[in-house]
C-alpha atoms as a PDB file:
ATOM      1  CA  MET A   1      -9.290  20.574  19.019  1.00  0.00           C
ATOM      2  CA  SER A   2     -11.062  19.337  15.723  1.00  0.00           C
ATOM      3  CA  THR A   3     -12.021  16.238  15.160  1.00  0.00           C
ATOM      4  CA  ILE A   4     -10.350  14.692  11.938  1.00  0.00           C
ATOM      5  CA  ASP A   5     -12.249  11.796   9.761  1.00  0.00           C
ATOM      6  CA  PRO A   6     -10.097   9.100   9.419  1.00  0.00           C
ATOM      7  CA  ARG A   7     -12.112   8.019   6.213  1.00  0.00           C
ATOM      8  CA  GLN A   8     -11.172  11.832   4.479  1.00  0.00           C
ATOM      9  CA  LEU A   9      -7.789  12.046   5.664  1.00  0.00           C
ATOM     10  CA  ARG A  10      -7.204   8.295   4.051  1.00  0.00           C
ATOM     11  CA  ASP A  11      -8.371  10.245   0.684  1.00  0.00           C
ATOM     12  CA  ALA A  12      -6.585  12.825   0.816  1.00  0.00           C
ATOM     13  CA  PHE A  13      -2.937  10.434   2.187  1.00  0.00           C
ATOM     14  CA  GLY A  14      -4.386   9.116  -1.786  1.00  0.00           C
ATOM     15  CA  ALA A  15      -3.510  11.994  -3.317  1.00  0.00           C
ATOM     16  CA  PHE A  16       0.421  11.304  -3.446  1.00  0.00           C
ATOM     17  CA  LEU A  17       0.870   9.222  -6.492  1.00  0.00           C
ATOM     18  CA  THR A  18       3.000   5.772  -5.479  1.00  0.00           C
ATOM     19  CA  GLY A  19       3.902   2.380  -6.689  1.00  0.00           C
ATOM     20  CA  VAL A  20       2.957  -0.764  -5.574  1.00  0.00           C
ATOM     21  CA  THR A  21       4.739  -3.212  -3.649  1.00  0.00           C
ATOM     22  CA  VAL A  22       4.663  -6.881  -2.064  1.00  0.00           C
ATOM     23  CA  VAL A  23       6.165  -7.373   1.057  1.00  0.00           C
ATOM     24  CA  THR A  24       7.278 -10.536   2.013  1.00  0.00           C
ATOM     25  CA  THR A  25       8.648 -12.860   4.590  1.00  0.00           C
ATOM     26  CA  HIS A  26       8.432 -16.399   6.423  1.00  0.00           C
ATOM     27  CA  ASP A  27       6.931 -17.420   9.553  1.00  0.00           C
ATOM     28  CA  SER A  28       7.709 -19.680  12.591  1.00  0.00           C
ATOM     29  CA  GLN A  29       7.298 -22.734  10.590  1.00  0.00           C
ATOM     30  CA  SER A  30       8.762 -20.934   7.367  1.00  0.00           C
ATOM     31  CA  THR A  31       5.209 -20.627   5.641  1.00  0.00           C
ATOM     32  CA  PRO A  32       6.060 -17.754   3.038  1.00  0.00           C
ATOM     33  CA  LEU A  33       3.629 -15.000   4.180  1.00  0.00           C
ATOM     34  CA  GLY A  34       2.657 -11.168   2.218  1.00  0.00           C
ATOM     35  CA  PHE A  35       0.967  -8.716   1.672  1.00  0.00           C
ATOM     36  CA  THR A  36       0.523  -5.880  -1.193  1.00  0.00           C
ATOM     37  CA  ALA A  37       1.693  -2.110   0.313  1.00  0.00           C
ATOM     38  CA  ASN A  38       2.437   1.640  -1.376  1.00  0.00           C
ATOM     39  CA  SER A  39       3.458   2.689   2.201  1.00  0.00           C
ATOM     40  CA  PHE A  40       6.962   2.398   1.160  1.00  0.00           C
ATOM     41  CA  SER A  41      10.033   4.412   0.808  1.00  0.00           C
ATOM     42  CA  SER A  42      13.645   4.620   0.600  1.00  0.00           C
ATOM     43  CA  VAL A  43      15.394   5.583   4.286  1.00  0.00           C
ATOM     44  CA  SER A  44      19.341   5.819   3.510  1.00  0.00           C
ATOM     45  CA  LEU A  45      21.968   5.294   1.393  1.00  0.00           C
ATOM     46  CA  ASP A  46      24.652   4.458   3.968  1.00  0.00           C
ATOM     47  CA  PRO A  47      23.884   2.668   5.373  1.00  0.00           C
ATOM     48  CA  PRO A  48      21.374   0.668   3.104  1.00  0.00           C
ATOM     49  CA  LEU A  49      18.095   1.390   4.830  1.00  0.00           C
ATOM     50  CA  LEU A  50      14.383   1.091   3.664  1.00  0.00           C
ATOM     51  CA  LEU A  51      10.953   1.418   5.474  1.00  0.00           C
ATOM     52  CA  ILE A  52       7.113  -0.194   5.080  1.00  0.00           C
ATOM     53  CA  SER A  53       4.235   0.739   7.249  1.00  0.00           C
ATOM     54  CA  LEU A  54       2.572  -2.147   8.231  1.00  0.00           C
ATOM     55  CA  ALA A  55      -1.197  -2.213  10.246  1.00  0.00           C
ATOM     56  CA  LYS A  56      -1.073  -3.631  13.811  1.00  0.00           C
ATOM     57  CA  THR A  57      -4.680  -5.330  13.068  1.00  0.00           C
ATOM     58  CA  SER A  58      -3.274  -6.917  10.035  1.00  0.00           C
ATOM     59  CA  ARG A  59      -3.072 -10.951  10.589  1.00  0.00           C
ATOM     60  CA  ASN A  60       0.716 -10.321   9.264  1.00  0.00           C
ATOM     61  CA  TYR A  61       1.930  -7.797  12.029  1.00  0.00           C
ATOM     62  CA  ASP A  62       3.393 -10.511  14.510  1.00  0.00           C
ATOM     63  CA  ALA A  63       5.146 -12.260  12.218  1.00  0.00           C
ATOM     64  CA  PHE A  64       6.926  -9.445  10.896  1.00  0.00           C
ATOM     65  CA  THR A  65       7.261  -7.951  13.636  1.00  0.00           C
ATOM     66  CA  THR A  66       8.942 -10.438  15.023  1.00  0.00           C
ATOM     67  CA  ALA A  67      10.838 -12.751  12.037  1.00  0.00           C
ATOM     68  CA  THR A  68      14.392 -11.517  11.487  1.00  0.00           C
ATOM     69  CA  GLY A  69      14.152  -9.702   7.858  1.00  0.00           C
ATOM     70  CA  PHE A  70      11.592  -9.135   4.860  1.00  0.00           C
ATOM     71  CA  ALA A  71      11.723  -8.675   1.406  1.00  0.00           C
ATOM     72  CA  VAL A  72       9.661  -5.555  -0.585  1.00  0.00           C
ATOM     73  CA  ASN A  73       8.975  -6.474  -4.465  1.00  0.00           C
ATOM     74  CA  ILE A  74       8.015  -3.405  -6.240  1.00  0.00           C
ATOM     75  CA  LEU A  75       6.097  -4.932  -8.670  1.00  0.00           C
ATOM     76  CA  THR A  76       5.567  -3.597 -12.400  1.00  0.00           C
ATOM     77  CA  GLU A  77       2.728  -2.399 -14.789  1.00  0.00           C
ATOM     78  CA  ASP A  78       1.897  -5.837 -15.819  1.00  0.00           C
ATOM     79  CA  GLN A  79       1.308  -7.368 -12.673  1.00  0.00           C
ATOM     80  CA  LYS A  80      -1.785  -6.094 -11.464  1.00  0.00           C
ATOM     81  CA  ASP A  81      -3.072  -9.806 -10.634  1.00  0.00           C
ATOM     82  CA  VAL A  82       0.020 -10.351  -8.377  1.00  0.00           C
ATOM     83  CA  SER A  83      -1.224  -7.120  -6.584  1.00  0.00           C
ATOM     84  CA  GLN A  84      -4.687  -8.060  -6.229  1.00  0.00           C
ATOM     85  CA  THR A  85      -3.925 -11.450  -4.586  1.00  0.00           C
ATOM     86  CA  PHE A  86      -1.686 -10.445  -1.880  1.00  0.00           C
ATOM     87  CA  ALA A  87      -4.177  -8.178  -0.782  1.00  0.00           C
ATOM     88  CA  THR A  88      -7.564 -10.192  -0.516  1.00  0.00           C
ATOM     89  CA  PRO A  89      -8.126 -13.030   1.462  1.00  0.00           C
ATOM     90  CA  VAL A  90      -6.647 -16.086  -0.208  1.00  0.00           C
ATOM     91  CA  ASP A  91      -4.999 -19.556   1.005  1.00  0.00           C
ATOM     92  CA  ASP A  92      -2.130 -19.750  -0.395  1.00  0.00           C
ATOM     93  CA  ARG A  93      -1.070 -15.987  -1.902  1.00  0.00           C
ATOM     94  CA  PHE A  94       2.160 -17.520  -3.196  1.00  0.00           C
ATOM     95  CA  ALA A  95       0.710 -20.918  -5.518  1.00  0.00           C
ATOM     96  CA  THR A  96      -0.266 -17.535  -8.518  1.00  0.00           C
ATOM     97  CA  VAL A  97       3.557 -16.382  -8.479  1.00  0.00           C
ATOM     98  CA  THR A  98       6.876 -17.674  -9.300  1.00  0.00           C
ATOM     99  CA  TRP A  99       9.189 -16.475  -6.507  1.00  0.00           C
ATOM    100  CA  GLN A 100      12.272 -18.463  -4.691  1.00  0.00           C
ATOM    101  CA  LYS A 101      14.532 -17.369  -1.791  1.00  0.00           C
ATOM    102  CA  GLY A 102      16.228 -14.488  -1.623  1.00  0.00           C
ATOM    103  CA  PRO A 103      20.336 -14.016  -0.706  1.00  0.00           C
ATOM    104  CA  HIS A 104      19.344 -12.644   2.633  1.00  0.00           C
ATOM    105  CA  GLY A 105      16.090 -15.541   3.423  1.00  0.00           C
ATOM    106  CA  SER A 106      12.706 -13.262   2.065  1.00  0.00           C
ATOM    107  CA  PRO A 107      10.754 -14.532  -0.919  1.00  0.00           C
ATOM    108  CA  VAL A 108      11.231 -12.248  -3.542  1.00  0.00           C
ATOM    109  CA  ILE A 109       8.742 -12.148  -6.953  1.00  0.00           C
ATOM    110  CA  ASP A 110       9.878 -13.466 -10.804  1.00  0.00           C
ATOM    111  CA  ASN A 111       9.662 -10.822 -13.119  1.00  0.00           C
ATOM    112  CA  VAL A 112       9.762  -7.511 -10.603  1.00  0.00           C
ATOM    113  CA  ALA A 113      10.669  -4.137 -11.565  1.00  0.00           C
ATOM    114  CA  ALA A 114      13.166  -4.446  -8.472  1.00  0.00           C
ATOM    115  CA  TRP A 115      13.604  -6.097  -4.982  1.00  0.00           C
ATOM    116  CA  PHE A 116      15.286  -5.921  -2.198  1.00  0.00           C
ATOM    117  CA  ASP A 117      15.947  -8.358   0.220  1.00  0.00           C
ATOM    118  CA  CYS A 118      17.026  -7.203   4.443  1.00  0.00           C
ATOM    119  CA  SER A 119      17.989  -7.535   7.501  1.00  0.00           C
ATOM    120  CA  THR A 120      15.088  -5.958  10.139  1.00  0.00           C
ATOM    121  CA  HIS A 121      17.257  -2.879  11.691  1.00  0.00           C
ATOM    122  CA  GLN A 122      14.483  -1.229  13.671  1.00  0.00           C
ATOM    123  CA  ILE A 123      10.836  -1.402  14.427  1.00  0.00           C
ATOM    124  CA  VAL A 124       9.425   2.015  14.779  1.00  0.00           C
ATOM    125  CA  GLU A 125       5.764   1.926  17.476  1.00  0.00           C
ATOM    126  CA  ALA A 126       3.584   4.959  15.308  1.00  0.00           C
ATOM    127  CA  GLY A 127      -0.025   4.898  16.003  1.00  0.00           C
ATOM    128  CA  ASP A 128      -1.918   2.066  14.776  1.00  0.00           C
ATOM    129  CA  HIS A 129       0.747   1.630  13.117  1.00  0.00           C
ATOM    130  CA  ALA A 130       4.334  -0.089  12.700  1.00  0.00           C
ATOM    131  CA  ILE A 131       6.609   1.136  10.787  1.00  0.00           C
ATOM    132  CA  LEU A 132       9.578  -1.714   9.379  1.00  0.00           C
ATOM    133  CA  ILE A 133      12.882  -0.189   8.957  1.00  0.00           C
ATOM    134  CA  GLY A 134      15.875  -2.974   6.792  1.00  0.00           C
ATOM    135  CA  LYS A 135      18.128  -2.947   6.081  1.00  0.00           C
ATOM    136  CA  VAL A 136      19.275  -4.391   2.299  1.00  0.00           C
ATOM    137  CA  GLU A 137      20.955  -6.984   2.240  1.00  0.00           C
ATOM    138  CA  ALA A 138      21.019  -7.766  -0.912  1.00  0.00           C
ATOM    139  CA  PHE A 139      18.664  -6.095  -4.253  1.00  0.00           C
ATOM    140  CA  GLU A 140      17.792  -6.692  -7.843  1.00  0.00           C
ATOM    141  CA  ASN A 141      16.766  -3.971  -9.966  1.00  0.00           C
ATOM    142  CA  GLY A 142      14.773  -4.630 -13.185  1.00  0.00           C
ATOM    143  CA  LEU A 143      14.290  -3.060 -16.325  1.00  0.00           C
ATOM    144  CA  ALA A 144      10.573  -2.559 -16.130  1.00  0.00           C
ATOM    145  CA  ASN A 145       7.777   0.223 -15.621  1.00  0.00           C
ATOM    146  CA  GLY A 146       6.560   0.212 -12.144  1.00  0.00           C
ATOM    147  CA  LEU A 147       3.050  -0.317 -11.451  1.00  0.00           C
ATOM    148  CA  GLY A 148       1.367   3.446  -9.976  1.00  0.00           C
ATOM    149  CA  TYR A 149      -1.567   3.820  -7.159  1.00  0.00           C
ATOM    150  CA  ALA A 150      -3.182   7.157  -6.698  1.00  0.00           C
ATOM    151  CA  ARG A 151      -6.643   8.004  -5.785  1.00  0.00           C
ATOM    152  CA  GLY A 152      -7.730   4.497  -4.769  1.00  0.00           C
ATOM    153  CA  ALA A 153      -7.145   2.867  -8.705  1.00  0.00           C
ATOM    154  CA  TYR A 154      -4.063   1.878  -9.955  1.00  0.00           C
ATOM    155  CA  PHE A 155      -2.717   3.491 -13.520  1.00  0.00           C
ATOM    156  CA  THR A 156      -0.217   2.500 -15.619  1.00  0.00           C
ATOM    157  CA  PRO A 157       2.534   4.377 -18.518  1.00  0.00           C
ATOM    158  CA  ALA A 158       0.828   2.342 -20.995  1.00  0.00           C
ATOM    159  CA  LEU A 159      -2.629   3.396 -20.303  1.00  0.00           C
ATOM    160  CA  GLU A 160      -2.221   6.769 -19.596  1.00  0.00           C
ATOM    161  CA  ASP A 161      -0.393   7.291 -22.960  1.00  0.00           C
ATOM    162  CA  LYS A 162      -2.803   5.073 -25.143  1.00  0.00           C
ATOM    163  CA  ALA A 163      -5.559   7.242 -23.121  1.00  0.00           C
ATOM    164  CA  THR A 164      -4.199  10.557 -24.166  1.00  0.00           C
ATOM    165  CA  SER A 165      -2.820   9.590 -27.551  1.00  0.00           C
ATOM    166  CA  VAL A 166      -6.076  10.034 -28.944  1.00  0.00           C
ATOM    167  CA  ALA A 167      -5.939  13.642 -29.128  1.00  0.00           C
ATOM    168  CA  SER A 168      -3.718  13.244 -32.549  1.00  0.00           C
ATOM    169  CA  THR A 169      -5.716  11.414 -34.197  1.00  0.00           C
ATOM    170  CA  GLY A 170      -7.453  14.286 -35.863  1.00  0.00           C
ATOM    171  CA  THR A 171     -10.800  13.899 -35.157  1.00  0.00           C
ATOM    172  CA  ASP A 172     -12.334  16.223 -31.886  1.00  0.00           C
ATOM    173  CA  VAL A 173     -11.933  15.591 -28.651  1.00  0.00           C
ATOM    174  CA  VAL A 174     -13.807  15.723 -26.019  1.00  0.00           C
ATOM    175  CA  VAL A 175     -13.360  15.712 -22.213  1.00  0.00           C
ATOM    176  CA  SER A 176     -15.434  14.529 -19.598  1.00  0.00           C
ATOM    177  CA  ALA A 177     -16.339  14.210 -16.121  1.00  0.00           C
ATOM    178  CA  ILE A 178     -17.867  11.775 -13.756  1.00  0.00           C
ATOM    179  CA  ILE A 179     -17.961  13.556 -10.329  1.00  0.00           C
ATOM    180  CA  ASP A 180     -19.431  11.215  -8.021  1.00  0.00           C
ATOM    181  CA  HIS A 181     -20.369  11.624  -4.228  1.00  0.00           C
ATOM    182  CA  GLN A 182     -21.290   8.301  -2.217  1.00  0.00           C
ATOM    183  CA  GLY A 183     -22.660   7.226  -5.658  1.00  0.00           C
ATOM    184  CA  GLU A 184     -24.343  10.124  -6.622  1.00  0.00           C
ATOM    185  CA  VAL A 185     -23.024  11.859 -10.205  1.00  0.00           C
ATOM    186  CA  LEU A 186     -23.055  15.768 -11.180  1.00  0.00           C
ATOM    187  CA  PHE A 187     -25.161  16.002 -14.508  1.00  0.00           C
ATOM    188  CA  THR A 188     -25.298  19.108 -16.171  1.00  0.00           C
ATOM    189  CA  GLU A 189     -28.816  19.990 -17.983  1.00  0.00           C
ATOM    190  CA  SER A 190     -29.432  20.439 -22.138  1.00  0.00           C
ATOM    191  CA  GLU A 191     -32.035  23.364 -23.129  1.00  0.00           C
ATOM    192  CA  GLU A 192     -33.840  19.879 -24.106  1.00  0.00           C
ATOM    193  CA  GLY A 193     -33.654  19.416 -20.490  1.00  0.00           C
ATOM    194  CA  ASN A 194     -31.684  16.262 -20.948  1.00  0.00           C
ATOM    195  CA  LEU A 195     -28.803  15.145 -18.267  1.00  0.00           C
ATOM    196  CA  GLU A 196     -25.310  15.172 -19.638  1.00  0.00           C
ATOM    197  CA  LEU A 197     -21.846  14.800 -17.681  1.00  0.00           C
ATOM    198  CA  PRO A 198     -20.035  18.070 -17.912  1.00  0.00           C
ATOM    199  CA  HIS A 199     -17.660  18.142 -20.046  1.00  0.00           C
ATOM    200  CA  LYS A 200     -15.439  20.476 -22.756  1.00  0.00           C
ATOM    201  CA  SER A 201     -13.594  20.102 -26.066  1.00  0.00           C
ATOM    202  CA  VAL A 202      -9.897  20.169 -26.033  1.00  0.00           C
ATOM    203  CA  THR A 203      -7.847  22.951 -28.113  1.00  0.00           C
ATOM    204  CA  PRO A 204      -4.838  23.106 -29.406  1.00  0.00           C
ATOM    205  CA  THR A 205      -4.357  25.522 -26.687  1.00  0.00           C
ATOM    206  CA  HIS A 206      -6.177  23.757 -24.051  1.00  0.00           C
ATOM    207  CA  GLY A 207      -5.139  20.268 -23.108  1.00  0.00           C
ATOM    208  CA  ALA A 208      -7.081  17.597 -22.116  1.00  0.00           C
ATOM    209  CA  SER A 209      -5.781  17.663 -18.692  1.00  0.00           C
ATOM    210  CA  GLU A 210      -6.268  21.366 -18.806  1.00  0.00           C
ATOM    211  CA  GLN A 211      -9.387  20.816 -19.108  1.00  0.00           C
ATOM    212  CA  ILE A 212     -11.018  18.371 -16.766  1.00  0.00           C
ATOM    213  CA  ASN A 213      -9.304  20.706 -14.030  1.00  0.00           C
ATOM    214  CA  THR A 214     -11.002  23.779 -15.483  1.00  0.00           C
ATOM    215  CA  ILE A 215     -13.990  21.437 -15.096  1.00  0.00           C
ATOM    216  CA  LEU A 216     -13.871  20.861 -11.410  1.00  0.00           C
ATOM    217  CA  ALA A 217     -13.132  24.401 -10.868  1.00  0.00           C
ATOM    218  CA  GLU A 218     -16.568  25.761 -12.558  1.00  0.00           C
ATOM    219  CA  THR A 219     -18.238  23.273 -10.423  1.00  0.00           C
ATOM    220  CA  LYS A 220     -16.623  25.056  -6.926  1.00  0.00           C
ATOM    221  CA  LEU A 221     -16.904  21.633  -5.710  1.00  0.00           C
ATOM    222  CA  GLN A 222     -13.965  19.883  -3.515  1.00  0.00           C
ATOM    223  CA  ALA A 223     -13.389  17.536  -5.887  1.00  0.00           C
ATOM    224  CA  SER A 224     -10.341  15.501  -7.444  1.00  0.00           C
ATOM    225  CA  VAL A 225      -8.913  14.066 -10.664  1.00  0.00           C
ATOM    226  CA  GLY A 226      -9.364  10.282 -10.272  1.00  0.00           C
ATOM    227  CA  PHE A 227      -8.382   7.736 -12.996  1.00  0.00           C
ATOM    228  CA  ILE A 228      -9.297   7.663 -16.703  1.00  0.00           C
ATOM    229  CA  TYR A 229     -12.470   5.636 -16.531  1.00  0.00           C
ATOM    230  CA  SER A 230     -13.013   5.434 -20.284  1.00  0.00           C
ATOM    231  CA  VAL A 231     -11.881   6.441 -23.988  1.00  0.00           C
ATOM    232  CA  TYR A 232     -13.637   6.114 -26.634  1.00  0.00           C
ATOM    233  CA  GLU A 233     -14.331   7.249 -30.736  1.00  0.00           C
ATOM    234  CA  ASP A 234     -18.335   7.924 -31.267  1.00  0.00           C
ATOM    235  CA  MET A 235     -18.238   7.522 -35.241  1.00  0.00           C
ATOM    236  CA  ASN A 236     -21.180   8.833 -35.642  1.00  0.00           C
ATOM    237  CA  GLN A 237     -20.395  12.401 -34.573  1.00  0.00           C
ATOM    238  CA  ASN A 238     -16.274  11.958 -35.237  1.00  0.00           C
ATOM    239  CA  GLN A 239     -15.374  12.481 -31.618  1.00  0.00           C
ATOM    240  CA  GLN A 240     -12.902  11.229 -29.539  1.00  0.00           C
ATOM    241  CA  ASN A 241     -14.104  11.258 -25.870  1.00  0.00           C
ATOM    242  CA  ILE A 242     -12.144  10.503 -22.418  1.00  0.00           C
ATOM    243  CA  ILE A 243     -13.762  10.528 -19.611  1.00  0.00           C
ATOM    244  CA  TYR A 244     -12.124  10.959 -15.837  1.00  0.00           C
ATOM    245  CA  HIS A 245     -13.854   9.579 -12.374  1.00  0.00           C
ATOM    246  CA  CYS A 246     -13.356  12.098 -10.009  1.00  0.00           C
ATOM    247  CA  ALA A 247     -14.207  12.334  -6.837  1.00  0.00           C
ATOM    248  CA  ALA A 248     -16.300  14.797  -4.498  1.00  0.00           C
ATOM    249  CA  ALA A 249     -16.273  15.935  -0.785  1.00  0.00           C
ATOM    250  CA  ASP A 250     -19.386  17.065  -0.672  1.00  0.00           C
ATOM    251  CA  THR A 251     -22.122  18.152  -2.753  1.00  0.00           C
ATOM    252  CA  THR A 252     -22.667  22.154  -2.797  1.00  0.00           C
ATOM    253  CA  THR A 253     -22.071  22.964  -6.270  1.00  0.00           C
ATOM    254  CA  SER A 254     -22.078  26.454  -8.384  1.00  0.00           C
ATOM    255  CA  SER A 255     -23.314  24.041 -11.509  1.00  0.00           C
ATOM    256  CA  GLY A 256     -25.697  21.179 -12.737  1.00  0.00           C
ATOM    257  CA  ALA A 257     -26.751  18.890  -9.600  1.00  0.00           C
ATOM    258  CA  PHE A 258     -25.873  15.650  -8.571  1.00  0.00           C
ATOM    259  CA  TYR A 259     -28.830  12.215  -9.141  1.00  0.00           C
ATOM    260  CA  PRO A 260     -28.506   8.731  -8.509  1.00  0.00           C
ATOM    261  CA  LEU A 261     -27.796   6.373 -10.720  1.00  0.00           C
ATOM    262  CA  ASN A 262     -31.075   4.744 -11.372  1.00  0.00           C
ATOM    263  CA  ASP A 263     -33.683   4.096 -14.101  1.00  0.00           C
ATOM    264  CA  GLU A 264     -35.493   7.624 -14.020  1.00  0.00           C
ATOM    265  CA  THR A 265     -32.009   8.879 -13.128  1.00  0.00           C
ATOM    266  CA  PHE A 266     -30.630   7.232 -17.449  1.00  0.00           C
ATOM    267  CA  ALA A 267     -34.452   7.735 -18.651  1.00  0.00           C
ATOM    268  CA  ARG A 268     -33.297  11.537 -18.806  1.00  0.00           C
ATOM    269  CA  ILE A 269     -29.852  10.570 -20.267  1.00  0.00           C
ATOM    270  CA  LYS A 270     -30.228  10.530 -24.231  1.00  0.00           C
ATOM    271  CA  ASP A 271     -26.114   9.384 -24.776  1.00  0.00           C
ATOM    272  CA  SER A 272     -26.904   5.444 -24.350  1.00  0.00           C
ATOM    273  CA  ALA A 273     -23.539   5.485 -24.692  1.00  0.00           C
ATOM    274  CA  THR A 274     -23.377   7.214 -21.483  1.00  0.00           C
ATOM    275  CA  ILE A 275     -26.120   5.081 -20.134  1.00  0.00           C
ATOM    276  CA  ASP A 276     -23.561   2.083 -21.308  1.00  0.00           C
ATOM    277  CA  MET A 277     -20.974   3.099 -18.820  1.00  0.00           C
ATOM    278  CA  LEU A 278     -22.717   4.620 -16.108  1.00  0.00           C
ATOM    279  CA  LYS A 279     -23.939   1.039 -15.543  1.00  0.00           C
ATOM    280  CA  ARG A 280     -21.004   0.509 -15.520  1.00  0.00           C
ATOM    281  CA  LEU A 281     -19.727   2.134 -12.935  1.00  0.00           C
ATOM    282  CA  GLN A 282     -22.534   1.054 -10.375  1.00  0.00           C
ATOM    283  CA  ALA A 283     -21.480  -2.483 -10.939  1.00  0.00           C
ATOM    284  CA  GLU A 284     -17.890  -2.069 -10.537  1.00  0.00           C
ATOM    285  CA  SER A 285     -18.228   0.294  -7.807  1.00  0.00           C
ATOM    286  CA  TRP A 286     -20.156  -2.271  -6.056  1.00  0.00           C
ATOM    287  CA  MET A 287     -17.441  -4.727  -6.677  1.00  0.00           C
ATOM    288  CA  GLY A 288     -14.483  -2.128  -5.770  1.00  0.00           C
ATOM    289  CA  ASN A 289     -12.847  -3.136  -9.144  1.00  0.00           C
ATOM    290  CA  TYR A 290     -12.742  -0.802 -11.767  1.00  0.00           C
ATOM    291  CA  GLY A 291     -11.736  -0.534 -15.547  1.00  0.00           C
ATOM    292  CA  ILE A 292     -10.557   1.691 -18.082  1.00  0.00           C
ATOM    293  CA  TYR A 293     -12.900   1.283 -21.790  1.00  0.00           C
ATOM    294  CA  PHE A 294     -11.207   1.010 -25.007  1.00  0.00           C
ATOM    295  CA  GLY A 295     -13.094   1.033 -28.256  1.00  0.00           C
ATOM    296  CA  ASN A 296     -15.857   3.501 -29.470  1.00  0.00           C
ATOM    297  CA  GLN A 297     -19.810   4.514 -28.876  1.00  0.00           C
ATOM    298  CA  ASN A 298     -20.827   0.372 -29.268  1.00  0.00           C
ATOM    299  CA  SER A 299     -17.984  -1.669 -28.041  1.00  0.00           C
ATOM    300  CA  GLY A 300     -14.661  -1.905 -26.842  1.00  0.00           C
ATOM    301  CA  GLU A 301     -12.649  -3.559 -24.099  1.00  0.00           C
ATOM    302  CA  VAL A 302     -12.372  -2.870 -20.757  1.00  0.00           C
ATOM    303  CA  ARG A 303      -9.180  -3.272 -19.224  1.00  0.00           C
ATOM    304  CA  GLN A 304      -8.911  -4.136 -15.298  1.00  0.00           C
ATOM    305  CA  ILE A 305      -7.898  -1.591 -12.879  1.00  0.00           C
ATOM    306  CA  VAL A 306      -8.385  -2.685  -9.259  1.00  0.00           C
ATOM    307  CA  SER A 307      -9.845  -0.126  -6.061  1.00  0.00           C
ATOM    308  CA  GLY A 308      -7.451  -0.752  -3.649  1.00  0.00           C
ATOM    309  CA  ALA A 309      -4.296  -1.932  -2.698  1.00  0.00           C
END
């Protein structure tokens, strides 16, 4: 029987685009509890049922499995900070949000995309997790877009629209790939011997999404497109750049080679904007807290995304 690597399996599960929720309840002393989860799904309309998955190692496990109910709060694209708060060890997670008791009694957070206040319908043991099936006793549907999550990072429709809209500016658009494997990045070599990220120009018949997939296909790597990492204008070359962060399962490539991000590698990169971007990637990878850069080759802003829910 083959052995499945849990980390690789988790990465494969992460290819599925999900929303981000905060699941809440009260403990036996009526203290509100909550955690960030993307393992949420609707189950049935009649009766109205939904489910969430809870790790047995969670410090909230006993409270949620003995509670009479729980609430699921679907976060909006403006609530990444709420997700981060409920995903990290914080003494009082509810101190930073406005909330109230739902009709069935579990905490519901203000201004979310939707919330569902549930009674506990069934708990199913499932390996190292428990599946909590809730019966929807009350709900509210807001108008805001939900926050998305895939490949270990948040995404929002607003950021994706802004990033991909640069193709309509009338300048040349170049798509590049940061193909990352355990801290090493794939580079190709120019005729002058400089290191460059794999890249392709966008054309009227080959858009940004098609070109990034072509780049990965040509490497013959087991790699997947992650999130847009940087969007900037190189004013010296009248060129817009879209850079995707991609994850590789190995380093066996048909073009280029993987290099560690160190001073020796940086010395072989001619483009200073690329060096700055990769140094930012180094720091953010260490912290597990990523951002999307918007600006030009010299200055801009980083809008935070977070690596895990």
